[in-house]
C-alpha cells in the first residue's frame, strides 16, 4: 500500500513540476524593468524567452517576438534549449509513468516490468527538474551580471545607456517547478524498490544431498549406513580363489590371506 501511495504521489508531484516548467517557459515575465529609481513611469518593459513586451500607463500592451535566432546571446539560447529538453523529458516521463502505475493493470504486465518503467520515468523526471533549475539559474545569473553592469554605468554618469532588469515571476515559477519535478522523480525511484518481487530480489539456490539415505533394519540385525561396500565387491579384478583341500584349508598360502 505504501508503495502505491509513493508512486501515485510521485506521479502527481512530477505532473505539477512538468506543468510548471511549461508555464514558466511560455511566460513573458522572465525579466522585468527595475523601477527602484523611477517608480512612476509611462512605459513598463518586461521580457521572456520568446518575445519582449511594453506596457503603457494607459493599459495598452504591445509584444514583439524575437525575429532572430543567431542574433541572440549564446547563454540565452542555452536557456531555451534546457527548458525545451526538460519539458520533453518530463512529458515522456509522464507517458511512461501512466503505464507503470501499480493501480492500473494493462494486459499481463508483470511487476518487474512496472518496476523498470517506474525507475525510467523517475530518472526522466529528475533530469527534467535539473534542466529546469539549471536553465532558470543561468538566466538569473545573466540578469545579475547585466544589472550590476548597468548600475556601474549609472554611477559613472551614463544613466541613459540601458534599462536595468530584475527577476521576473517566471523565474520563481521555474525554480519551484524544477524542484517539484526533482522531488517527484526521487519518489518514483523509491517506489521502484517496492515494486520488485521478492523472488527476483533474492535468488535462492537449493542444494540436494548427493549421498544416499541411511537405511535401517528392524530386528536384531546390525544397522547399515548405506555407504559400506558390498563384501562381494571387495575382491579385485584379478582375484582368483585358491583351491582348497578336503578339510577346507588351502594347500599353500595366498597373497589375499590376511591375519
C-alpha atoms as a PDB file:
ATOM      1  CA  UNK A   1       0.000   0.000   0.000  1.00  0.00           C
ATOM      2  CA  UNK A   2       2.804   2.416   0.847  1.00  0.00           C
ATOM      3  CA  UNK A   3       4.474   1.668  -2.494  1.00  0.00           C
ATOM      4  CA  UNK A   4       1.305   2.567  -4.381  1.00  0.00           C
ATOM      5  CA  UNK A   5       0.885   5.798  -2.409  1.00  0.00           C
ATOM      6  CA  UNK A   6       4.510   6.761  -3.021  1.00  0.00           C
ATOM      7  CA  UNK A   7       4.158   6.034  -6.727  1.00  0.00           C
ATOM      8  CA  UNK A   8       0.925   7.999  -7.110  1.00  0.00           C
ATOM      9  CA  UNK A   9       2.275  10.931  -5.107  1.00  0.00           C
ATOM     10  CA  UNK A  10       5.416  10.950  -7.208  1.00  0.00           C
ATOM     11  CA  UNK A  11       3.299  10.992 -10.350  1.00  0.00           C
ATOM     12  CA  UNK A  12       1.191  13.909  -9.109  1.00  0.00           C
ATOM     13  CA  UNK A  13       4.167  15.943  -7.891  1.00  0.00           C
ATOM     14  CA  UNK A  14       6.030  15.334 -11.140  1.00  0.00           C
ATOM     15  CA  UNK A  15       2.952  16.347 -13.131  1.00  0.00           C
ATOM     16  CA  UNK A  16       2.859  19.649 -11.265  1.00  0.00           C
ATOM     17  CA  UNK A  17       6.560  20.128 -11.934  1.00  0.00           C
ATOM     18  CA  UNK A  18       6.256  19.459 -15.663  1.00  0.00           C
ATOM     19  CA  UNK A  19       3.202  21.708 -15.904  1.00  0.00           C
ATOM     20  CA  UNK A  20       5.043  24.463 -14.058  1.00  0.00           C
ATOM     21  CA  UNK A  21       8.004  24.140 -16.432  1.00  0.00           C
ATOM     22  CA  UNK A  22       5.702  24.545 -19.436  1.00  0.00           C
ATOM     23  CA  UNK A  23       4.070  27.553 -17.818  1.00  0.00           C
ATOM     24  CA  UNK A  24       7.385  29.174 -16.944  1.00  0.00           C
ATOM     25  CA  UNK A  25       8.734  28.658 -20.451  1.00  0.00           C
ATOM     26  CA  UNK A  26       5.683  30.292 -22.016  1.00  0.00           C
ATOM     27  CA  UNK A  27       5.579  33.268 -19.627  1.00  0.00           C
ATOM     28  CA  UNK A  28       6.818  36.692 -20.755  1.00  0.00           C
ATOM     29  CA  UNK A  29       7.997  37.880 -17.349  1.00  0.00           C
ATOM     30  CA  UNK A  30      11.437  36.307 -17.116  1.00  0.00           C
ATOM     31  CA  UNK A  31      12.935  39.741 -16.624  1.00  0.00           C
ATOM     32  CA  UNK A  32      11.088  42.916 -15.652  1.00  0.00           C
ATOM     33  CA  UNK A  33      12.208  46.520 -15.676  1.00  0.00           C
ATOM     34  CA  UNK A  34      13.634  47.724 -12.390  1.00  0.00           C
ATOM     35  CA  UNK A  35      11.601  50.650 -11.042  1.00  0.00           C
ATOM     36  CA  UNK A  36      13.728  51.362  -7.974  1.00  0.00           C
ATOM     37  CA  UNK A  37      14.985  54.769  -9.181  1.00  0.00           C
ATOM     38  CA  UNK A  38      11.891  55.623 -11.241  1.00  0.00           C
ATOM     39  CA  UNK A  39       8.732  54.247  -9.594  1.00  0.00           C
ATOM     40  CA  UNK A  40       6.455  56.405 -11.754  1.00  0.00           C
ATOM     41  CA  UNK A  41       6.898  55.720 -15.457  1.00  0.00           C
ATOM     42  CA  UNK A  42       4.710  55.802 -18.520  1.00  0.00           C
ATOM     43  CA  UNK A  43       6.256  52.667 -20.013  1.00  0.00           C
ATOM     44  CA  UNK A  44       6.986  49.373 -18.309  1.00  0.00           C
ATOM     45  CA  UNK A  45       9.082  46.760 -20.114  1.00  0.00           C
ATOM     46  CA  UNK A  46       9.418  43.047 -19.480  1.00  0.00           C
ATOM     47  CA  UNK A  47      10.920  40.203 -21.463  1.00  0.00           C
ATOM     48  CA  UNK A  48      10.519  36.475 -21.874  1.00  0.00           C
ATOM     49  CA  UNK A  49      12.249  33.705 -23.741  1.00  0.00           C
ATOM     50  CA  UNK A  50      10.266  34.245 -26.915  1.00  0.00           C
ATOM     51  CA  UNK A  51       9.247  37.902 -27.010  1.00  0.00           C
ATOM     52  CA  UNK A  52       9.598  41.268 -25.307  1.00  0.00           C
ATOM     53  CA  UNK A  53       6.631  43.374 -24.240  1.00  0.00           C
ATOM     54  CA  UNK A  54       5.958  47.025 -23.439  1.00  0.00           C
ATOM     55  CA  UNK A  55       3.025  48.097 -21.277  1.00  0.00           C
ATOM     56  CA  UNK A  56       1.979  51.705 -21.261  1.00  0.00           C
ATOM     57  CA  UNK A  57       0.281  53.590 -18.467  1.00  0.00           C
ATOM     58  CA  UNK A  58      -2.930  53.659 -20.491  1.00  0.00           C
ATOM     59  CA  UNK A  59      -3.134  49.882 -20.218  1.00  0.00           C
ATOM     60  CA  UNK A  60      -2.124  49.149 -23.795  1.00  0.00           C
ATOM     61  CA  UNK A  61       0.409  46.307 -24.110  1.00  0.00           C
ATOM     62  CA  UNK A  62       2.459  45.539 -27.174  1.00  0.00           C
ATOM     63  CA  UNK A  63       4.607  42.432 -27.549  1.00  0.00           C
ATOM     64  CA  UNK A  64       7.112  41.690 -30.265  1.00  0.00           C
ATOM     65  CA  UNK A  65       8.667  38.239 -30.788  1.00  0.00           C
ATOM     66  CA  UNK A  66      12.359  37.784 -31.346  1.00  0.00           C
ATOM     67  CA  UNK A  67      12.707  37.590 -35.109  1.00  0.00           C
ATOM     68  CA  UNK A  68      16.269  36.333 -34.932  1.00  0.00           C
ATOM     69  CA  UNK A  69      17.998  33.300 -33.527  1.00  0.00           C
ATOM     70  CA  UNK A  70      21.637  33.884 -34.346  1.00  0.00           C
ATOM     71  CA  UNK A  71      21.445  37.452 -33.061  1.00  0.00           C
ATOM     72  CA  UNK A  72      20.523  36.316 -29.524  1.00  0.00           C
ATOM     73  CA  UNK A  73      23.223  35.676 -26.904  1.00  0.00           C
ATOM     74  CA  UNK A  74      24.552  32.135 -26.637  1.00  0.00           C
ATOM     75  CA  UNK A  75      23.514  31.817 -22.995  1.00  0.00           C
ATOM     76  CA  UNK A  76      20.007  32.929 -23.894  1.00  0.00           C
ATOM     77  CA  UNK A  77      19.744  30.172 -26.489  1.00  0.00           C
ATOM     78  CA  UNK A  78      21.176  27.677 -23.992  1.00  0.00           C
ATOM     79  CA  UNK A  79      18.388  28.567 -21.557  1.00  0.00           C
ATOM     80  CA  UNK A  80      15.823  27.930 -24.269  1.00  0.00           C
ATOM     81  CA  UNK A  81      17.368  24.564 -25.072  1.00  0.00           C
ATOM     82  CA  UNK A  82      17.462  23.496 -21.415  1.00  0.00           C
ATOM     83  CA  UNK A  83      13.820  24.360 -20.854  1.00  0.00           C
ATOM     84  CA  UNK A  84      12.713  22.555 -24.020  1.00  0.00           C
ATOM     85  CA  UNK A  85      14.728  19.447 -23.157  1.00  0.00           C
ATOM     86  CA  UNK A  86      13.284  19.463 -19.644  1.00  0.00           C
ATOM     87  CA  UNK A  87       9.722  19.717 -20.964  1.00  0.00           C
ATOM     88  CA  UNK A  88      10.218  16.908 -23.498  1.00  0.00           C
ATOM     89  CA  UNK A  89      11.739  14.580 -20.905  1.00  0.00           C
ATOM     90  CA  UNK A  90       9.001  15.447 -18.435  1.00  0.00           C
ATOM     91  CA  UNK A  91       6.238  14.639 -20.925  1.00  0.00           C
ATOM     92  CA  UNK A  92       7.900  11.358 -21.868  1.00  0.00           C
ATOM     93  CA  UNK A  93       8.255  10.535 -18.173  1.00  0.00           C
ATOM     94  CA  UNK A  94       4.554  11.181 -17.613  1.00  0.00           C
ATOM     95  CA  UNK A  95       3.638   8.960 -20.555  1.00  0.00           C
ATOM     96  CA  UNK A  96       5.779   6.105 -19.232  1.00  0.00           C
ATOM     97  CA  UNK A  97       4.614   6.635 -15.654  1.00  0.00           C
ATOM     98  CA  UNK A  98       0.946   6.257 -16.582  1.00  0.00           C
ATOM     99  CA  UNK A  99       1.542   2.681 -17.748  1.00  0.00           C
ATOM    100  CA  UNK A 100       3.824   1.988 -14.777  1.00  0.00           C
ATOM    101  CA  UNK A 101       1.237   2.804 -12.103  1.00  0.00           C
ATOM    102  CA  UNK A 102       0.517  -0.209  -9.925  1.00  0.00           C
ATOM    103  CA  UNK A 103      -3.164   0.661  -9.679  1.00  0.00           C
ATOM    104  CA  UNK A 104      -3.519   0.347 -13.469  1.00  0.00           C
ATOM    105  CA  UNK A 105      -3.346  -3.165 -14.878  1.00  0.00           C
ATOM    106  CA  UNK A 106      -2.669  -3.462 -18.606  1.00  0.00           C
ATOM    107  CA  UNK A 107      -2.810  -6.968 -20.018  1.00  0.00           C
ATOM    108  CA  UNK A 108      -0.440  -9.410 -18.348  1.00  0.00           C
ATOM    109  CA  UNK A 109       2.262  -6.901 -17.472  1.00  0.00           C
ATOM    110  CA  UNK A 110       4.437  -8.205 -14.655  1.00  0.00           C
ATOM    111  CA  UNK A 111       5.544  -6.249 -11.619  1.00  0.00           C
ATOM    112  CA  UNK A 112       9.151  -6.398 -12.795  1.00  0.00           C
ATOM    113  CA  UNK A 113       8.255  -4.539 -15.983  1.00  0.00           C
ATOM    114  CA  UNK A 114       6.330  -1.960 -13.980  1.00  0.00           C
ATOM    115  CA  UNK A 115       9.313  -1.505 -11.678  1.00  0.00           C
ATOM    116  CA  UNK A 116      11.620  -0.870 -14.634  1.00  0.00           C
ATOM    117  CA  UNK A 117       9.177   1.616 -16.147  1.00  0.00           C
ATOM    118  CA  UNK A 118       8.810   3.370 -12.802  1.00  0.00           C
ATOM    119  CA  UNK A 119      12.574   3.715 -12.470  1.00  0.00           C
ATOM    120  CA  UNK A 120      12.839   5.018 -16.052  1.00  0.00           C
ATOM    121  CA  UNK A 121      10.171   7.650 -15.506  1.00  0.00           C
ATOM    122  CA  UNK A 122      11.785   8.674 -12.212  1.00  0.00           C
ATOM    123  CA  UNK A 123      15.137   9.236 -13.902  1.00  0.00           C
ATOM    124  CA  UNK A 124      13.416  11.272 -16.619  1.00  0.00           C
ATOM    125  CA  UNK A 125      11.714  13.462 -14.022  1.00  0.00           C
ATOM    126  CA  UNK A 126      14.990  14.027 -12.191  1.00  0.00           C
ATOM    127  CA  UNK A 127      16.761  15.084 -15.393  1.00  0.00           C
ATOM    128  CA  UNK A 128      13.821  17.308 -16.369  1.00  0.00           C
ATOM    129  CA  UNK A 129      13.895  19.018 -12.973  1.00  0.00           C
ATOM    130  CA  UNK A 130      17.637  19.564 -13.183  1.00  0.00           C
ATOM    131  CA  UNK A 131      17.267  21.050 -16.678  1.00  0.00           C
ATOM    132  CA  UNK A 132      14.595  23.483 -15.477  1.00  0.00           C
ATOM    133  CA  UNK A 133      16.574  24.535 -12.414  1.00  0.00           C
ATOM    134  CA  UNK A 134      19.765  24.938 -14.438  1.00  0.00           C
ATOM    135  CA  UNK A 135      18.072  26.972 -17.161  1.00  0.00           C
ATOM    136  CA  UNK A 136      16.398  29.340 -14.730  1.00  0.00           C
ATOM    137  CA  UNK A 137      19.605  29.734 -12.717  1.00  0.00           C
ATOM    138  CA  UNK A 138      21.637  30.561 -15.838  1.00  0.00           C
ATOM    139  CA  UNK A 139      19.106  33.228 -16.845  1.00  0.00           C
ATOM    140  CA  UNK A 140      19.131  34.647 -13.316  1.00  0.00           C
ATOM    141  CA  UNK A 141      22.925  34.830 -13.436  1.00  0.00           C
ATOM    142  CA  UNK A 142      22.689  36.769 -16.700  1.00  0.00           C
ATOM    143  CA  UNK A 143      20.280  39.225 -15.090  1.00  0.00           C
ATOM    144  CA  UNK A 144      22.511  39.754 -12.071  1.00  0.00           C
ATOM    145  CA  UNK A 145      25.548  40.398 -14.269  1.00  0.00           C
ATOM    146  CA  UNK A 146      23.708  42.870 -16.502  1.00  0.00           C
ATOM    147  CA  UNK A 147      22.136  44.573 -13.502  1.00  0.00           C
ATOM    148  CA  UNK A 148      25.449  45.335 -11.841  1.00  0.00           C
ATOM    149  CA  UNK A 149      26.990  46.417 -15.116  1.00  0.00           C
ATOM    150  CA  UNK A 150      24.118  48.853 -15.650  1.00  0.00           C
ATOM    151  CA  UNK A 151      24.443  50.090 -12.082  1.00  0.00           C
ATOM    152  CA  UNK A 152      28.156  50.748 -12.584  1.00  0.00           C
ATOM    153  CA  UNK A 153      27.446  52.713 -15.760  1.00  0.00           C
ATOM    154  CA  UNK A 154      24.831  54.788 -13.917  1.00  0.00           C
ATOM    155  CA  UNK A 155      27.305  55.690 -11.176  1.00  0.00           C
ATOM    156  CA  UNK A 156      29.776  56.776 -13.841  1.00  0.00           C
ATOM    157  CA  UNK A 157      27.307  59.309 -15.264  1.00  0.00           C
ATOM    158  CA  UNK A 158      25.940  57.280 -18.183  1.00  0.00           C
ATOM    159  CA  UNK A 159      22.386  56.996 -16.937  1.00  0.00           C
ATOM    160  CA  UNK A 160      20.663  56.561 -20.300  1.00  0.00           C
ATOM    161  CA  UNK A 161      22.786  53.693 -21.574  1.00  0.00           C
ATOM    162  CA  UNK A 162      20.252  50.938 -20.906  1.00  0.00           C
ATOM    163  CA  UNK A 163      17.447  49.982 -18.572  1.00  0.00           C
ATOM    164  CA  UNK A 164      18.043  47.704 -15.633  1.00  0.00           C
ATOM    165  CA  UNK A 165      16.118  44.452 -15.387  1.00  0.00           C
ATOM    166  CA  UNK A 166      15.457  42.333 -12.356  1.00  0.00           C
ATOM    167  CA  UNK A 167      13.937  38.931 -11.620  1.00  0.00           C
ATOM    168  CA  UNK A 168      10.507  38.255 -13.055  1.00  0.00           C
ATOM    169  CA  UNK A 169       7.802  35.937 -11.774  1.00  0.00           C
ATOM    170  CA  UNK A 170       8.659  33.283 -14.385  1.00  0.00           C
ATOM    171  CA  UNK A 171      11.986  32.630 -12.684  1.00  0.00           C
ATOM    172  CA  UNK A 172      10.340  31.711  -9.399  1.00  0.00           C
ATOM    173  CA  UNK A 173       7.799  29.537 -11.180  1.00  0.00           C
ATOM    174  CA  UNK A 174      10.632  27.734 -12.946  1.00  0.00           C
ATOM    175  CA  UNK A 175      12.564  27.154  -9.743  1.00  0.00           C
ATOM    176  CA  UNK A 176       9.524  25.731  -7.958  1.00  0.00           C
ATOM    177  CA  UNK A 177       8.576  23.592 -10.967  1.00  0.00           C
ATOM    178  CA  UNK A 178      12.091  22.171 -11.263  1.00  0.00           C
ATOM    179  CA  UNK A 179      12.123  21.338  -7.559  1.00  0.00           C
ATOM    180  CA  UNK A 180       8.774  19.571  -7.802  1.00  0.00           C
ATOM    181  CA  UNK A 181       9.901  17.522 -10.788  1.00  0.00           C
ATOM    182  CA  UNK A 182      13.088  16.584  -8.941  1.00  0.00           C
ATOM    183  CA  UNK A 183      11.203  15.511  -5.796  1.00  0.00           C
ATOM    184  CA  UNK A 184       8.665  13.571  -7.864  1.00  0.00           C
ATOM    185  CA  UNK A 185      11.444  11.737  -9.675  1.00  0.00           C
ATOM    186  CA  UNK A 186      13.072  10.748  -6.393  1.00  0.00           C
ATOM    187  CA  UNK A 187       9.744   9.431  -5.104  1.00  0.00           C
ATOM    188  CA  UNK A 188       9.308   7.351  -8.247  1.00  0.00           C
ATOM    189  CA  UNK A 189      12.770   5.851  -7.813  1.00  0.00           C
ATOM    190  CA  UNK A 190      11.943   4.966  -4.203  1.00  0.00           C
ATOM    191  CA  UNK A 191       8.658   3.372  -5.284  1.00  0.00           C
ATOM    192  CA  UNK A 192      10.551   1.215  -7.787  1.00  0.00           C
ATOM    193  CA  UNK A 193      12.191  -0.726  -4.946  1.00  0.00           C
ATOM    194  CA  UNK A 194       8.837  -1.772  -3.523  1.00  0.00           C
ATOM    195  CA  UNK A 195       7.561  -2.997  -6.897  1.00  0.00           C
ATOM    196  CA  UNK A 196      10.327  -5.573  -7.356  1.00  0.00           C
ATOM    197  CA  UNK A 197       9.005  -9.045  -6.424  1.00  0.00           C
ATOM    198  CA  UNK A 198      10.672 -10.798  -3.518  1.00  0.00           C
ATOM    199  CA  UNK A 199      11.613 -13.888  -5.522  1.00  0.00           C
ATOM    200  CA  UNK A 200      13.511 -11.813  -8.064  1.00  0.00           C
ATOM    201  CA  UNK A 201      15.170  -9.656  -5.425  1.00  0.00           C
ATOM    202  CA  UNK A 202      16.743 -12.626  -3.628  1.00  0.00           C
ATOM    203  CA  UNK A 203      17.547 -15.562  -5.864  1.00  0.00           C
ATOM    204  CA  UNK A 204      17.776 -18.599  -3.575  1.00  0.00           C
ATOM    205  CA  UNK A 205      19.783 -21.667  -4.593  1.00  0.00           C
ATOM    206  CA  UNK A 206      18.602 -25.088  -3.446  1.00  0.00           C
ATOM    207  CA  UNK A 207      21.083 -27.822  -2.755  1.00  0.00           C
ATOM    208  CA  UNK A 208      20.270 -31.520  -2.896  1.00  0.00           C
ATOM    209  CA  UNK A 209      22.206 -34.104  -0.906  1.00  0.00           C
ATOM    210  CA  UNK A 210      24.291 -36.232  -3.220  1.00  0.00           C
ATOM    211  CA  UNK A 211      24.669 -39.175  -0.829  1.00  0.00           C
ATOM    212  CA  UNK A 212      22.269 -41.994  -0.262  1.00  0.00           C
ATOM    213  CA  UNK A 213      19.930 -42.025   2.675  1.00  0.00           C
ATOM    214  CA  UNK A 214      20.748 -44.071   5.725  1.00  0.00           C
ATOM    215  CA  UNK A 215      18.912 -47.357   5.711  1.00  0.00           C
ATOM    216  CA  UNK A 216      17.824 -49.037   8.904  1.00  0.00           C
ATOM    217  CA  UNK A 217      16.865 -52.612   9.565  1.00  0.00           C
ATOM    218  CA  UNK A 218      14.362 -53.719  12.128  1.00  0.00           C
ATOM    219  CA  UNK A 219      15.050 -56.554  14.481  1.00  0.00           C
ATOM    220  CA  UNK A 220      18.308 -57.813  15.921  1.00  0.00           C
ATOM    221  CA  UNK A 221      20.227 -57.170  12.752  1.00  0.00           C
ATOM    222  CA  UNK A 222      23.007 -54.660  12.513  1.00  0.00           C
ATOM    223  CA  UNK A 223      22.105 -51.358  11.014  1.00  0.00           C
ATOM    224  CA  UNK A 224      23.886 -50.288   7.879  1.00  0.00           C
ATOM    225  CA  UNK A 225      24.808 -46.795   6.824  1.00  0.00           C
ATOM    226  CA  UNK A 226      24.395 -47.430   3.124  1.00  0.00           C
ATOM    227  CA  UNK A 227      27.935 -46.371   2.419  1.00  0.00           C
ATOM    228  CA  UNK A 228      29.556 -49.711   3.253  1.00  0.00           C
ATOM    229  CA  UNK A 229      30.822 -51.542   0.237  1.00  0.00           C
ATOM    230  CA  UNK A 230      29.414 -54.929  -0.567  1.00  0.00           C
ATOM    231  CA  UNK A 231      31.752 -57.678   0.665  1.00  0.00           C
ATOM    232  CA  UNK A 232      31.328 -59.412  -2.614  1.00  0.00           C
ATOM    233  CA  UNK A 233      32.720 -56.384  -4.429  1.00  0.00           C
ATOM    234  CA  UNK A 234      35.844 -56.093  -2.265  1.00  0.00           C
ATOM    235  CA  UNK A 235      37.655 -58.616  -4.402  1.00  0.00           C
ATOM    236  CA  UNK A 236      39.950 -57.188  -7.030  1.00  0.00           C
ATOM    237  CA  UNK A 237      39.656 -57.687 -10.740  1.00  0.00           C
ATOM    238  CA  UNK A 238      42.427 -60.281 -10.823  1.00  0.00           C
ATOM    239  CA  UNK A 239      41.295 -62.152  -7.759  1.00  0.00           C
ATOM    240  CA  UNK A 240      41.137 -65.889  -8.140  1.00  0.00           C
ATOM    241  CA  UNK A 241      40.022 -68.273  -5.452  1.00  0.00           C
ATOM    242  CA  UNK A 242      42.780 -70.646  -4.453  1.00  0.00           C
ATOM    243  CA  UNK A 243      41.911 -74.356  -4.436  1.00  0.00           C
ATOM    244  CA  UNK A 244      41.133 -75.871  -1.071  1.00  0.00           C
ATOM    245  CA  UNK A 245      41.763 -79.306   0.338  1.00  0.00           C
ATOM    246  CA  UNK A 246      39.158 -81.630   1.766  1.00  0.00           C
ATOM    247  CA  UNK A 247      39.471 -80.159   5.275  1.00  0.00           C
ATOM    248  CA  UNK A 248      38.861 -76.665   3.919  1.00  0.00           C
ATOM    249  CA  UNK A 249      42.448 -75.408   4.067  1.00  0.00           C
ATOM    250  CA  UNK A 250      44.439 -74.077   1.197  1.00  0.00           C
ATOM    251  CA  UNK A 251      47.427 -76.118   0.274  1.00  0.00           C
ATOM    252  CA  UNK A 252      49.581 -73.036   0.082  1.00  0.00           C
ATOM    253  CA  UNK A 253      49.161 -69.520   1.431  1.00  0.00           C
ATOM    254  CA  UNK A 254      47.631 -66.963  -0.869  1.00  0.00           C
ATOM    255  CA  UNK A 255      48.522 -63.310  -1.201  1.00  0.00           C
ATOM    256  CA  UNK A 256      44.960 -62.437  -0.323  1.00  0.00           C
ATOM    257  CA  UNK A 257      45.155 -64.073   3.104  1.00  0.00           C
ATOM    258  CA  UNK A 258      45.003 -61.508   5.896  1.00  0.00           C
ATOM    259  CA  UNK A 259      45.846 -62.000   9.525  1.00  0.00           C
END
